[in-house]
C-alpha atoms as a PDB file:
ATOM      1  CA  MET A   1     -34.296-190.121 181.150  1.00  0.00           C
ATOM      2  CA  LYS A   2     -34.392-191.308 184.745  1.00  0.00           C
ATOM      3  CA  TYR A   3     -33.914-195.047 184.985  1.00  0.00           C
ATOM      4  CA  LYS A   4     -35.513-197.140 187.713  1.00  0.00           C
ATOM      5  CA  THR A   5     -34.811-200.794 186.954  1.00  0.00           C
ATOM      6  CA  ILE A   6     -31.316-202.015 186.145  1.00  0.00           C
ATOM      7  CA  GLY A   7     -30.651-205.465 184.724  1.00  0.00           C
ATOM      8  CA  ILE A   8     -27.221-207.027 185.235  1.00  0.00           C
ATOM      9  CA  LEU A   9     -25.664-209.945 183.387  1.00  0.00           C
ATOM     10  CA  GLY A  10     -22.734-211.330 185.354  1.00  0.00           C
ATOM     11  CA  GLY A  11     -24.111-209.762 188.505  1.00  0.00           C
ATOM     12  CA  SER A  12     -23.121-212.696 190.711  1.00  0.00           C
ATOM     13  CA  GLY A  13     -19.408-212.085 190.176  1.00  0.00           C
ATOM     14  CA  PHE A  14     -16.896-209.950 192.037  1.00  0.00           C
ATOM     15  CA  VAL A  15     -17.746-206.608 190.393  1.00  0.00           C
ATOM     16  CA  GLY A  16     -21.415-207.500 190.078  1.00  0.00           C
ATOM     17  CA  GLN A  17     -21.936-207.978 193.798  1.00  0.00           C
ATOM     18  CA  HIS A  18     -20.304-204.653 194.620  1.00  0.00           C
ATOM     19  CA  LEU A  19     -22.190-202.853 191.849  1.00  0.00           C
ATOM     20  CA  SER A  20     -25.535-204.364 192.862  1.00  0.00           C
ATOM     21  CA  ALA A  21     -25.081-203.123 196.427  1.00  0.00           C
ATOM     22  CA  LEU A  22     -24.155-199.630 195.257  1.00  0.00           C
ATOM     23  CA  LEU A  23     -27.078-199.404 192.832  1.00  0.00           C
ATOM     24  CA  ALA A  24     -29.447-200.544 195.574  1.00  0.00           C
ATOM     25  CA  GLU A  25     -28.009-197.864 197.876  1.00  0.00           C
ATOM     26  CA  ASN A  26     -28.867-195.349 195.157  1.00  0.00           C
ATOM     27  CA  SER A  27     -32.511-196.532 195.129  1.00  0.00           C
ATOM     28  CA  TYR A  28     -32.381-198.460 191.868  1.00  0.00           C
ATOM     29  CA  GLN A  29     -34.279-201.713 191.485  1.00  0.00           C
ATOM     30  CA  VAL A  30     -31.660-204.278 190.467  1.00  0.00           C
ATOM     31  CA  HIS A  31     -32.442-207.470 188.563  1.00  0.00           C
ATOM     32  CA  ILE A  32     -29.696-210.085 188.199  1.00  0.00           C
ATOM     33  CA  LEU A  33     -29.904-213.009 185.773  1.00  0.00           C
ATOM     34  CA  VAL A  34     -28.157-216.174 186.993  1.00  0.00           C
ATOM     35  CA  ARG A  35     -28.459-219.849 186.111  1.00  0.00           C
ATOM     36  CA  GLN A  36     -28.539-221.086 189.714  1.00  0.00           C
ATOM     37  CA  PRO A  37     -29.909-218.447 192.132  1.00  0.00           C
ATOM     38  CA  ARG A  38     -29.451-220.737 195.162  1.00  0.00           C
ATOM     39  CA  ARG A  39     -25.676-220.459 194.803  1.00  0.00           C
ATOM     40  CA  TYR A  40     -25.776-216.729 195.659  1.00  0.00           C
ATOM     41  CA  PRO A  41     -27.734-216.288 198.907  1.00  0.00           C
ATOM     42  CA  GLU A  42     -25.667-213.203 199.797  1.00  0.00           C
ATOM     43  CA  LEU A  43     -27.290-211.283 196.938  1.00  0.00           C
ATOM     44  CA  ALA A  44     -30.730-211.945 198.409  1.00  0.00           C
ATOM     45  CA  LEU A  45     -29.677-209.993 201.524  1.00  0.00           C
ATOM     46  CA  ILE A  46     -29.401-206.738 199.591  1.00  0.00           C
ATOM     47  CA  PRO A  47     -32.608-204.672 199.544  1.00  0.00           C
ATOM     48  CA  ASN A  48     -33.937-203.797 196.066  1.00  0.00           C
ATOM     49  CA  VAL A  49     -32.033-206.689 194.471  1.00  0.00           C
ATOM     50  CA  HIS A  50     -34.045-209.368 192.682  1.00  0.00           C
ATOM     51  CA  ILE A  51     -32.579-212.619 191.372  1.00  0.00           C
ATOM     52  CA  SER A  52     -33.969-214.132 188.163  1.00  0.00           C
ATOM     53  CA  LYS A  53     -33.183-217.644 186.999  1.00  0.00           C
ATOM     54  CA  GLY A  54     -32.072-217.875 183.408  1.00  0.00           C
ATOM     55  CA  ASN A  55     -29.325-218.317 180.844  1.00  0.00           C
ATOM     56  CA  CYS A  56     -28.106-215.176 179.091  1.00  0.00           C
ATOM     57  CA  PHE A  57     -27.231-217.269 176.003  1.00  0.00           C
ATOM     58  CA  ASP A  58     -30.835-218.449 175.668  1.00  0.00           C
ATOM     59  CA  MET A  59     -32.540-215.800 173.538  1.00  0.00           C
ATOM     60  CA  PRO A  60     -36.105-216.253 174.883  1.00  0.00           C
ATOM     61  CA  GLU A  61     -34.830-216.072 178.461  1.00  0.00           C
ATOM     62  CA  LEU A  62     -32.604-213.089 177.697  1.00  0.00           C
ATOM     63  CA  GLU A  63     -35.445-211.262 175.968  1.00  0.00           C
ATOM     64  CA  ALA A  64     -37.800-211.959 178.884  1.00  0.00           C
ATOM     65  CA  PHE A  65     -35.191-210.552 181.256  1.00  0.00           C
ATOM     66  CA  CYS A  66     -34.619-207.430 179.137  1.00  0.00           C
ATOM     67  CA  ALA A  67     -38.372-206.813 178.957  1.00  0.00           C
ATOM     68  CA  GLU A  68     -38.356-206.174 182.731  1.00  0.00           C
ATOM     69  CA  VAL A  69     -35.567-203.568 182.875  1.00  0.00           C
ATOM     70  CA  ASP A  70     -34.784-200.034 181.703  1.00  0.00           C
ATOM     71  CA  VAL A  71     -31.005-200.500 181.427  1.00  0.00           C
ATOM     72  CA  LEU A  72     -28.841-203.530 180.756  1.00  0.00           C
ATOM     73  CA  ILE A  73     -25.364-203.838 182.294  1.00  0.00           C
ATOM     74  CA  ASN A  74     -23.113-206.543 180.873  1.00  0.00           C
ATOM     75  CA  LEU A  75     -20.369-207.701 183.240  1.00  0.00           C
ATOM     76  CA  VAL A  76     -19.946-211.166 181.744  1.00  0.00           C
ATOM     77  CA  GLY A  77     -16.333-212.070 181.119  1.00  0.00           C
ATOM     78  CA  ILE A  78     -13.874-214.951 181.334  1.00  0.00           C
ATOM     79  CA  LEU A  79     -10.101-214.832 181.795  1.00  0.00           C
ATOM     80  CA  ASN A  80      -9.428-218.335 180.519  1.00  0.00           C
ATOM     81  CA  GLU A  81     -11.020-220.916 178.247  1.00  0.00           C
ATOM     82  CA  LYS A  82     -10.904-224.704 178.092  1.00  0.00           C
ATOM     83  CA  ARG A  83      -8.934-224.769 174.849  1.00  0.00           C
ATOM     84  CA  ASP A  84      -6.477-222.118 173.790  1.00  0.00           C
ATOM     85  CA  ASN A  85      -8.149-221.386 170.453  1.00  0.00           C
ATOM     86  CA  GLY A  86     -10.231-218.289 171.143  1.00  0.00           C
ATOM     87  CA  GLN A  87     -13.619-219.969 170.762  1.00  0.00           C
ATOM     88  CA  GLY A  88     -14.486-219.739 174.453  1.00  0.00           C
ATOM     89  CA  PHE A  89     -13.648-216.026 174.510  1.00  0.00           C
ATOM     90  CA  ASP A  90     -15.616-215.382 171.340  1.00  0.00           C
ATOM     91  CA  ARG A  91     -18.697-217.049 172.787  1.00  0.00           C
ATOM     92  CA  ALA A  92     -18.512-215.346 176.195  1.00  0.00           C
ATOM     93  CA  HIS A  93     -17.732-211.886 174.843  1.00  0.00           C
ATOM     94  CA  VAL A  94     -18.513-211.419 171.139  1.00  0.00           C
ATOM     95  CA  GLU A  95     -21.460-213.767 170.686  1.00  0.00           C
ATOM     96  CA  LEU A  96     -23.076-212.488 173.868  1.00  0.00           C
ATOM     97  CA  ALA A  97     -22.697-208.882 172.697  1.00  0.00           C
ATOM     98  CA  HIS A  98     -24.611-209.772 169.517  1.00  0.00           C
ATOM     99  CA  ARG A  99     -27.337-211.463 171.538  1.00  0.00           C
ATOM    100  CA  ILE A 100     -27.584-208.481 173.887  1.00  0.00           C
ATOM    101  CA  ALA A 101     -27.985-206.040 171.002  1.00  0.00           C
ATOM    102  CA  GLN A 102     -30.669-208.225 169.451  1.00  0.00           C
ATOM    103  CA  ALA A 103     -32.574-208.693 172.715  1.00  0.00           C
ATOM    104  CA  CYS A 104     -32.425-204.998 173.605  1.00  0.00           C
ATOM    105  CA  GLU A 105     -33.621-203.917 170.167  1.00  0.00           C
ATOM    106  CA  LYS A 106     -36.533-206.371 170.343  1.00  0.00           C
ATOM    107  CA  THR A 107     -37.633-205.346 173.858  1.00  0.00           C
ATOM    108  CA  GLY A 108     -37.057-201.607 173.528  1.00  0.00           C
ATOM    109  CA  VAL A 109     -34.121-201.335 175.938  1.00  0.00           C
ATOM    110  CA  ARG A 110     -31.838-198.621 174.601  1.00  0.00           C
ATOM    111  CA  ARG A 111     -29.296-198.056 177.354  1.00  0.00           C
ATOM    112  CA  ILE A 112     -26.395-200.523 177.687  1.00  0.00           C
ATOM    113  CA  LEU A 113     -23.358-200.321 179.965  1.00  0.00           C
ATOM    114  CA  GLN A 114     -20.588-202.657 178.839  1.00  0.00           C
ATOM    115  CA  MET A 115     -17.664-203.893 180.913  1.00  0.00           C
ATOM    116  CA  SER A 116     -14.673-204.079 178.598  1.00  0.00           C
ATOM    117  CA  ALA A 117     -10.963-204.059 179.462  1.00  0.00           C
ATOM    118  CA  LEU A 118      -7.989-201.755 179.170  1.00  0.00           C
ATOM    119  CA  ASN A 119      -6.154-202.486 175.890  1.00  0.00           C
ATOM    120  CA  ALA A 120      -9.199-204.252 174.448  1.00  0.00           C
ATOM    121  CA  SER A 121      -8.830-204.144 170.671  1.00  0.00           C
ATOM    122  CA  LYS A 122      -9.681-206.267 167.652  1.00  0.00           C
ATOM    123  CA  ASP A 123      -5.954-206.072 166.859  1.00  0.00           C
ATOM    124  CA  ALA A 124      -4.775-207.382 170.254  1.00  0.00           C
ATOM    125  CA  HIS A 125      -2.585-210.474 170.384  1.00  0.00           C
ATOM    126  CA  SER A 126      -4.462-212.192 173.207  1.00  0.00           C
ATOM    127  CA  TYR A 127      -7.838-213.820 172.609  1.00  0.00           C
ATOM    128  CA  TYR A 128      -9.177-212.187 175.762  1.00  0.00           C
ATOM    129  CA  LEU A 129      -8.338-208.619 174.747  1.00  0.00           C
ATOM    130  CA  ARG A 130      -9.276-209.200 171.116  1.00  0.00           C
ATOM    131  CA  SER A 131     -12.713-210.600 171.942  1.00  0.00           C
ATOM    132  CA  LYS A 132     -13.363-207.853 174.491  1.00  0.00           C
ATOM    133  CA  GLY A 133     -12.454-205.271 171.841  1.00  0.00           C
ATOM    134  CA  GLU A 134     -14.698-206.854 169.220  1.00  0.00           C
ATOM    135  CA  ALA A 135     -17.627-206.989 171.654  1.00  0.00           C
ATOM    136  CA  GLU A 136     -17.123-203.360 172.641  1.00  0.00           C
ATOM    137  CA  ASP A 137     -16.885-202.201 169.018  1.00  0.00           C
ATOM    138  CA  TRP A 138     -19.964-204.175 168.022  1.00  0.00           C
ATOM    139  CA  LEU A 139     -22.174-202.643 170.699  1.00  0.00           C
ATOM    140  CA  HIS A 140     -21.010-199.113 169.903  1.00  0.00           C
ATOM    141  CA  HIS A 141     -21.553-199.827 166.211  1.00  0.00           C
ATOM    142  CA  GLU A 142     -25.133-200.817 167.036  1.00  0.00           C
ATOM    143  CA  ALA A 143     -25.787-197.236 168.203  1.00  0.00           C
ATOM    144  CA  ARG A 144     -26.995-196.672 164.644  1.00  0.00           C
ATOM    145  CA  ASN A 145     -29.977-198.867 165.583  1.00  0.00           C
ATOM    146  CA  GLY A 146     -30.851-196.661 168.536  1.00  0.00           C
ATOM    147  CA  LEU A 147     -28.745-198.232 171.275  1.00  0.00           C
ATOM    148  CA  GLU A 148     -27.069-195.902 173.767  1.00  0.00           C
ATOM    149  CA  VAL A 149     -23.839-197.563 174.839  1.00  0.00           C
ATOM    150  CA  THR A 150     -21.136-196.680 177.351  1.00  0.00           C
ATOM    151  CA  SER A 151     -18.055-198.885 177.784  1.00  0.00           C
ATOM    152  CA  PHE A 152     -15.666-199.124 180.722  1.00  0.00           C
ATOM    153  CA  ARG A 153     -12.045-200.186 180.232  1.00  0.00           C
ATOM    154  CA  PRO A 154     -10.451-200.840 183.626  1.00  0.00           C
ATOM    155  CA  SER A 155      -6.966-202.011 184.484  1.00  0.00           C
ATOM    156  CA  VAL A 156      -6.905-204.942 186.927  1.00  0.00           C
ATOM    157  CA  ILE A 157      -9.667-204.444 189.521  1.00  0.00           C
ATOM    158  CA  PHE A 158      -9.025-205.022 193.226  1.00  0.00           C
ATOM    159  CA  GLY A 159     -11.183-205.103 196.334  1.00  0.00           C
ATOM    160  CA  HIS A 160     -12.801-207.532 198.777  1.00  0.00           C
ATOM    161  CA  ASN A 161     -13.059-210.992 197.169  1.00  0.00           C
ATOM    162  CA  ASP A 162     -11.073-209.969 194.092  1.00  0.00           C
ATOM    163  CA  SER A 163      -9.418-212.598 191.911  1.00  0.00           C
ATOM    164  CA  PHE A 164      -6.092-210.744 191.659  1.00  0.00           C
ATOM    165  CA  PHE A 165      -4.571-210.129 195.083  1.00  0.00           C
ATOM    166  CA  ASN A 166      -6.480-213.043 196.600  1.00  0.00           C
ATOM    167  CA  ARG A 167      -5.240-215.436 193.908  1.00  0.00           C
ATOM    168  CA  PHE A 168      -1.634-214.447 194.470  1.00  0.00           C
ATOM    169  CA  ALA A 169      -2.184-214.669 198.228  1.00  0.00           C
ATOM    170  CA  GLY A 170      -3.281-218.273 197.846  1.00  0.00           C
ATOM    171  CA  LEU A 171      -0.326-219.130 195.603  1.00  0.00           C
ATOM    172  CA  LEU A 172       2.177-217.439 197.902  1.00  0.00           C
ATOM    173  CA  LYS A 173       0.990-219.508 200.844  1.00  0.00           C
ATOM    174  CA  LEU A 174       1.663-222.683 198.863  1.00  0.00           C
ATOM    175  CA  MET A 175       5.202-221.742 197.806  1.00  0.00           C
ATOM    176  CA  PRO A 176       7.932-222.121 200.435  1.00  0.00           C
ATOM    177  CA  GLY A 177      10.776-219.635 200.310  1.00  0.00           C
ATOM    178  CA  PHE A 178      10.610-218.344 196.772  1.00  0.00           C
ATOM    179  CA  PHE A 179       8.008-217.562 194.140  1.00  0.00           C
ATOM    180  CA  PRO A 180       8.820-217.843 190.391  1.00  0.00           C
ATOM    181  CA  LEU A 181       6.868-215.159 188.515  1.00  0.00           C
ATOM    182  CA  ALA A 182       6.235-214.928 184.780  1.00  0.00           C
ATOM    183  CA  CYS A 183       6.099-211.519 183.063  1.00  0.00           C
ATOM    184  CA  ALA A 184       7.344-209.880 186.261  1.00  0.00           C
ATOM    185  CA  GLN A 185       7.952-206.491 184.642  1.00  0.00           C
ATOM    186  CA  SER A 186       4.455-206.132 183.169  1.00  0.00           C
ATOM    187  CA  ARG A 187       2.891-202.957 184.529  1.00  0.00           C
ATOM    188  CA  PHE A 188      -0.540-202.338 186.033  1.00  0.00           C
ATOM    189  CA  ALA A 189      -2.491-199.448 187.520  1.00  0.00           C
ATOM    190  CA  PRO A 190      -4.840-201.405 189.838  1.00  0.00           C
ATOM    191  CA  VAL A 191      -8.232-199.735 190.184  1.00  0.00           C
ATOM    192  CA  TYR A 192     -10.514-200.141 193.190  1.00  0.00           C
ATOM    193  CA  VAL A 193     -13.815-201.923 192.539  1.00  0.00           C
ATOM    194  CA  GLY A 194     -15.711-199.179 194.373  1.00  0.00           C
ATOM    195  CA  ASP A 195     -14.340-196.564 191.970  1.00  0.00           C
ATOM    196  CA  VAL A 196     -15.315-198.692 188.976  1.00  0.00           C
ATOM    197  CA  CYS A 197     -18.831-199.074 190.360  1.00  0.00           C
ATOM    198  CA  GLN A 198     -19.082-195.320 190.920  1.00  0.00           C
ATOM    199  CA  ALA A 199     -18.202-194.860 187.239  1.00  0.00           C
ATOM    200  CA  PHE A 200     -21.163-197.047 186.257  1.00  0.00           C
ATOM    201  CA  VAL A 201     -23.519-195.037 188.473  1.00  0.00           C
ATOM    202  CA  TYR A 202     -22.151-191.817 186.962  1.00  0.00           C
ATOM    203  CA  ALA A 203     -22.967-193.078 183.471  1.00  0.00           C
ATOM    204  CA  LEU A 204     -26.531-193.904 184.509  1.00  0.00           C
ATOM    205  CA  GLN A 205     -27.031-190.393 185.814  1.00  0.00           C
ATOM    206  CA  ASN A 206     -25.334-188.420 183.019  1.00  0.00           C
ATOM    207  CA  SER A 207     -26.586-188.683 179.441  1.00  0.00           C
ATOM    208  CA  HIS A 208     -23.400-187.182 177.996  1.00  0.00           C
ATOM    209  CA  SER A 209     -21.659-190.453 178.885  1.00  0.00           C
ATOM    210  CA  ILE A 210     -23.503-192.120 175.994  1.00  0.00           C
ATOM    211  CA  ASP A 211     -21.145-193.455 173.303  1.00  0.00           C
ATOM    212  CA  LYS A 212     -18.133-192.838 175.550  1.00  0.00           C
ATOM    213  CA  ARG A 213     -15.406-195.371 176.333  1.00  0.00           C
ATOM    214  CA  TYR A 214     -13.870-194.710 179.739  1.00  0.00           C
ATOM    215  CA  SER A 215     -10.393-195.906 180.720  1.00  0.00           C
ATOM    216  CA  LEU A 216     -10.224-196.536 184.474  1.00  0.00           C
ATOM    217  CA  CYS A 217      -6.994-196.806 186.472  1.00  0.00           C
ATOM    218  CA  GLY A 218      -5.794-196.431 190.020  1.00  0.00           C
ATOM    219  CA  PRO A 219      -3.501-193.597 191.131  1.00  0.00           C
ATOM    220  CA  GLU A 220      -0.251-195.591 190.999  1.00  0.00           C
ATOM    221  CA  VAL A 221       1.569-197.867 188.549  1.00  0.00           C
ATOM    222  CA  TYR A 222       3.290-201.069 189.681  1.00  0.00           C
ATOM    223  CA  THR A 223       5.096-203.940 188.039  1.00  0.00           C
ATOM    224  CA  LEU A 224       3.579-207.355 188.558  1.00  0.00           C
ATOM    225  CA  LYS A 225       6.578-208.263 190.699  1.00  0.00           C
ATOM    226  CA  GLN A 226       5.972-205.260 192.958  1.00  0.00           C
ATOM    227  CA  LEU A 227       2.329-206.252 193.390  1.00  0.00           C
ATOM    228  CA  VAL A 228       3.180-209.836 194.308  1.00  0.00           C
ATOM    229  CA  GLU A 229       5.832-208.611 196.767  1.00  0.00           C
ATOM    230  CA  TYR A 230       3.242-206.227 198.241  1.00  0.00           C
ATOM    231  CA  THR A 231       0.874-209.168 198.707  1.00  0.00           C
ATOM    232  CA  ALA A 232       3.550-211.195 200.476  1.00  0.00           C
ATOM    233  CA  ARG A 233       4.337-208.311 202.844  1.00  0.00           C
ATOM    234  CA  SER A 234       0.645-207.829 203.619  1.00  0.00           C
ATOM    235  CA  LEU A 235       0.430-211.491 204.587  1.00  0.00           C
ATOM    236  CA  ALA A 236       3.672-211.309 206.585  1.00  0.00           C
ATOM    237  CA  LEU A 237       5.127-214.032 204.363  1.00  0.00           C
ATOM    238  CA  LYS A 238       8.838-214.133 203.673  1.00  0.00           C
ATOM    239  CA  ARG A 239       8.951-214.976 199.981  1.00  0.00           C
ATOM    240  CA  LYS A 240      11.572-214.063 197.427  1.00  0.00           C
ATOM    241  CA  VAL A 241       9.814-213.219 194.164  1.00  0.00           C
ATOM    242  CA  ILE A 242      11.991-214.257 191.225  1.00  0.00           C
ATOM    243  CA  GLY A 243      11.134-212.803 187.834  1.00  0.00           C
ATOM    244  CA  LEU A 244      11.417-215.380 185.059  1.00  0.00           C
ATOM    245  CA  PRO A 245      12.977-214.675 181.652  1.00  0.00           C
ATOM    246  CA  ASP A 246      10.649-214.759 178.668  1.00  0.00           C
ATOM    247  CA  PHE A 247      11.263-218.367 177.624  1.00  0.00           C
ATOM    248  CA  LEU A 248      10.588-219.601 181.162  1.00  0.00           C
ATOM    249  CA  SER A 249       7.502-217.376 181.386  1.00  0.00           C
ATOM    250  CA  ARG A 250       6.167-219.107 178.282  1.00  0.00           C
ATOM    251  CA  LEU A 251       7.015-222.516 179.710  1.00  0.00           C
ATOM    252  CA  GLN A 252       5.283-221.694 182.985  1.00  0.00           C
ATOM    253  CA  ALA A 253       2.192-220.530 181.077  1.00  0.00           C
ATOM    254  CA  ARG A 254       2.059-223.772 179.067  1.00  0.00           C
ATOM    255  CA  MET A 255       2.491-225.945 182.155  1.00  0.00           C
ATOM    256  CA  LEU A 256       0.082-224.085 184.464  1.00  0.00           C
ATOM    257  CA  GLY A 257      -2.424-223.860 181.640  1.00  0.00           C
ATOM    258  CA  LEU A 258      -2.797-227.642 181.858  1.00  0.00           C
ATOM    259  CA  LEU A 259      -3.824-227.562 185.522  1.00  0.00           C
ATOM    260  CA  PRO A 260      -7.456-227.397 186.704  1.00  0.00           C
ATOM    261  CA  GLY A 261      -8.532-223.793 187.006  1.00  0.00           C
ATOM    262  CA  LYS A 262      -5.583-222.625 184.877  1.00  0.00           C
ATOM    263  CA  PRO A 263      -3.673-220.473 187.402  1.00  0.00           C
ATOM    264  CA  PHE A 264      -1.787-219.039 184.406  1.00  0.00           C
ATOM    265  CA  SER A 265      -2.257-219.662 180.686  1.00  0.00           C
ATOM    266  CA  MET A 266      -0.718-218.790 177.345  1.00  0.00           C
ATOM    267  CA  ASP A 267      -3.467-216.252 176.757  1.00  0.00           C
ATOM    268  CA  ASN A 268      -2.710-214.652 180.129  1.00  0.00           C
ATOM    269  CA  TYR A 269       0.903-214.495 178.973  1.00  0.00           C
ATOM    270  CA  ARG A 270      -0.135-212.804 175.726  1.00  0.00           C
ATOM    271  CA  SER A 271      -2.269-210.265 177.611  1.00  0.00           C
ATOM    272  CA  LEU A 272       0.671-209.392 179.861  1.00  0.00           C
ATOM    273  CA  GLN A 273       2.796-208.360 176.883  1.00  0.00           C
ATOM    274  CA  THR A 274       0.933-205.031 176.931  1.00  0.00           C
ATOM    275  CA  ASP A 275       1.095-202.828 180.024  1.00  0.00           C
ATOM    276  CA  SER A 276      -2.304-202.285 181.645  1.00  0.00           C
ATOM    277  CA  VAL A 277      -1.914-198.573 182.360  1.00  0.00           C
ATOM    278  CA  CYS A 278      -3.962-195.560 181.276  1.00  0.00           C
ATOM    279  CA  SER A 279      -2.611-192.882 178.979  1.00  0.00           C
ATOM    280  CA  GLU A 280      -5.453-190.770 180.415  1.00  0.00           C
ATOM    281  CA  ASN A 281      -7.340-191.837 183.529  1.00  0.00           C
ATOM    282  CA  ASP A 282     -11.027-191.040 183.058  1.00  0.00           C
ATOM    283  CA  LEU A 283     -11.882-191.429 186.741  1.00  0.00           C
ATOM    284  CA  ALA A 284     -10.771-187.834 187.231  1.00  0.00           C
ATOM    285  CA  LEU A 285     -12.991-186.784 184.322  1.00  0.00           C
ATOM    286  CA  LEU A 286     -15.922-188.418 186.113  1.00  0.00           C
ATOM    287  CA  GLY A 287     -15.107-186.632 189.354  1.00  0.00           C
ATOM    288  CA  ILE A 288     -14.049-189.837 191.118  1.00  0.00           C
ATOM    289  CA  LYS A 289     -10.980-189.823 193.354  1.00  0.00           C
ATOM    290  CA  ALA A 290      -9.093-193.065 192.797  1.00  0.00           C
ATOM    291  CA  HIS A 291      -8.328-195.198 195.855  1.00  0.00           C
ATOM    292  CA  SER A 292      -4.841-196.602 196.283  1.00  0.00           C
ATOM    293  CA  ILE A 293      -4.165-200.227 197.112  1.00  0.00           C
ATOM    294  CA  ASP A 294      -2.762-199.099 200.488  1.00  0.00           C
ATOM    295  CA  ALA A 295      -6.158-197.646 201.373  1.00  0.00           C
ATOM    296  CA  VAL A 296      -8.042-200.883 200.753  1.00  0.00           C
ATOM    297  CA  THR A 297      -6.073-204.129 200.463  1.00  0.00           C
ATOM    298  CA  PRO A 298      -4.682-204.417 204.027  1.00  0.00           C
ATOM    299  CA  GLY A 299      -8.266-204.749 205.250  1.00  0.00           C
ATOM    300  CA  TYR A 300      -8.805-208.018 203.425  1.00  0.00           C
ATOM    301  CA  LEU A 301      -5.371-209.443 202.608  1.00  0.00           C
ATOM    302  CA  SER A 302      -4.182-209.615 206.189  1.00  0.00           C
ATOM    303  CA  ASN A 303      -7.237-211.440 207.526  1.00  0.00           C
ATOM    304  CA  ASP A 304      -8.235-214.972 206.462  1.00  0.00           C
ATOM    305  CA  ASN A 305     -11.456-215.042 208.440  1.00  0.00           C
ATOM    306  CA  ARG A 306     -14.415-215.151 206.027  1.00  0.00           C
ATOM    307  CA  LYS A 307     -16.853-213.610 208.526  1.00  0.00           C
ATOM    308  CA  ALA A 308     -14.429-210.747 209.141  1.00  0.00           C
ATOM    309  CA  HIS A 309     -14.201-210.213 205.401  1.00  0.00           C
ATOM    310  CA  LEU A 310     -17.971-210.042 205.076  1.00  0.00           C
ATOM    311  CA  ASP A 311     -18.304-207.693 208.046  1.00  0.00           C
ATOM    312  CA  ALA A 312     -15.631-205.416 206.597  1.00  0.00           C
ATOM    313  CA  TYR A 313     -17.401-205.508 203.233  1.00  0.00           C
ATOM    314  CA  ARG A 314     -20.693-204.434 204.752  1.00  0.00           C
ATOM    315  CA  LYS A 315     -19.041-201.539 206.586  1.00  0.00           C
ATOM    316  CA  GLN A 316     -17.122-200.336 203.529  1.00  0.00           C
ATOM    317  CA  PRO A 317     -18.818-197.201 202.160  1.00  0.00           C
ATOM    318  CA  PRO A 318     -20.654-196.879 199.875  1.00  0.00           C
ATOM    319  CA  PHE A 319     -21.516-200.575 200.057  1.00  0.00           C
ATOM    320  CA  ALA A 320     -23.069-200.649 203.531  1.00  0.00           C
ATOM    321  CA  TYR A 321     -26.455-202.317 203.497  1.00  0.00           C
ATOM    322  CA  LYS A 322     -28.942-203.857 205.886  1.00  0.00           C
ATOM    323  CA  LYS A 323     -30.428-207.322 205.804  1.00  0.00           C
ATOM    324  CA  LYS A 324     -33.956-207.649 204.482  1.00  0.00           C
ATOM    325  CA  THR A 325     -36.630-207.978 207.118  1.00  0.00           C
ATOM    326  CA  ASN A 326     -40.206-209.195 207.067  1.00  0.00           C
ATOM    327  CA  ASP A 327     -41.554-205.866 208.293  1.00  0.00           C
END
């Protein structure tokens, strides 16, 4: 089946903005559900992208949104919650997955693309990974009711406006001389947002991706310490990154978890106890050549000018797009 209209939940976020631009470039009509459309004027600049006001946790509004699309993409996810008890993760990930299945079944939408996470499992120790695993399993289980689900399990995703390198860049600028780092030896295979988005487009265009769960990683593996040191070098900052022992990593997580925005939390600590690397990288299976961090990050880490970032974003293939006109 050839799909025309793609609905995205979580489309206003980092991955969502990149994916929306790529889908529009591939001539799809993209509908994004957000609570406050006025907060995302940049999305309105992308041709073929339509912003709908609504709450994905409100069943009538979710059903009305699903009734307008052929495919539903779920990118909704949180990395931290207000209280470290798992309830916030369960609501954002598991409860929403149930609502999505119900809304799609009622409106006749069969195709669902689900953003999960590497190491997501109902047996994971962290609330984040456990809830992501339960949501993923639930949607694939619902295939018995006619849903056609594909899940994507990326390692940490990087690219323009990411929340990984940019977060560490901000923290490094605040720390004079040295930088104490929890879980410094945790390993990652950072994957470029453009490659992740290409994987979603591949799934839309290839029916044999149905019921598959794709693990997505970049071409190289780094420790967290190496990635933070790389960020410091890219910013020309002289910072000594000091890896903390486990008991101090826990202490740092408890302390930073009390701050607004939670720069680091106990659940982040629990997630970092499992390396985020692929045993098999499915990007190659999808015919996608993984980009390295060297090929992408210098273009946005070394420049603090927001306009320069946006200009670079618009020139970055395949995300180039033109402003809408009144013609």
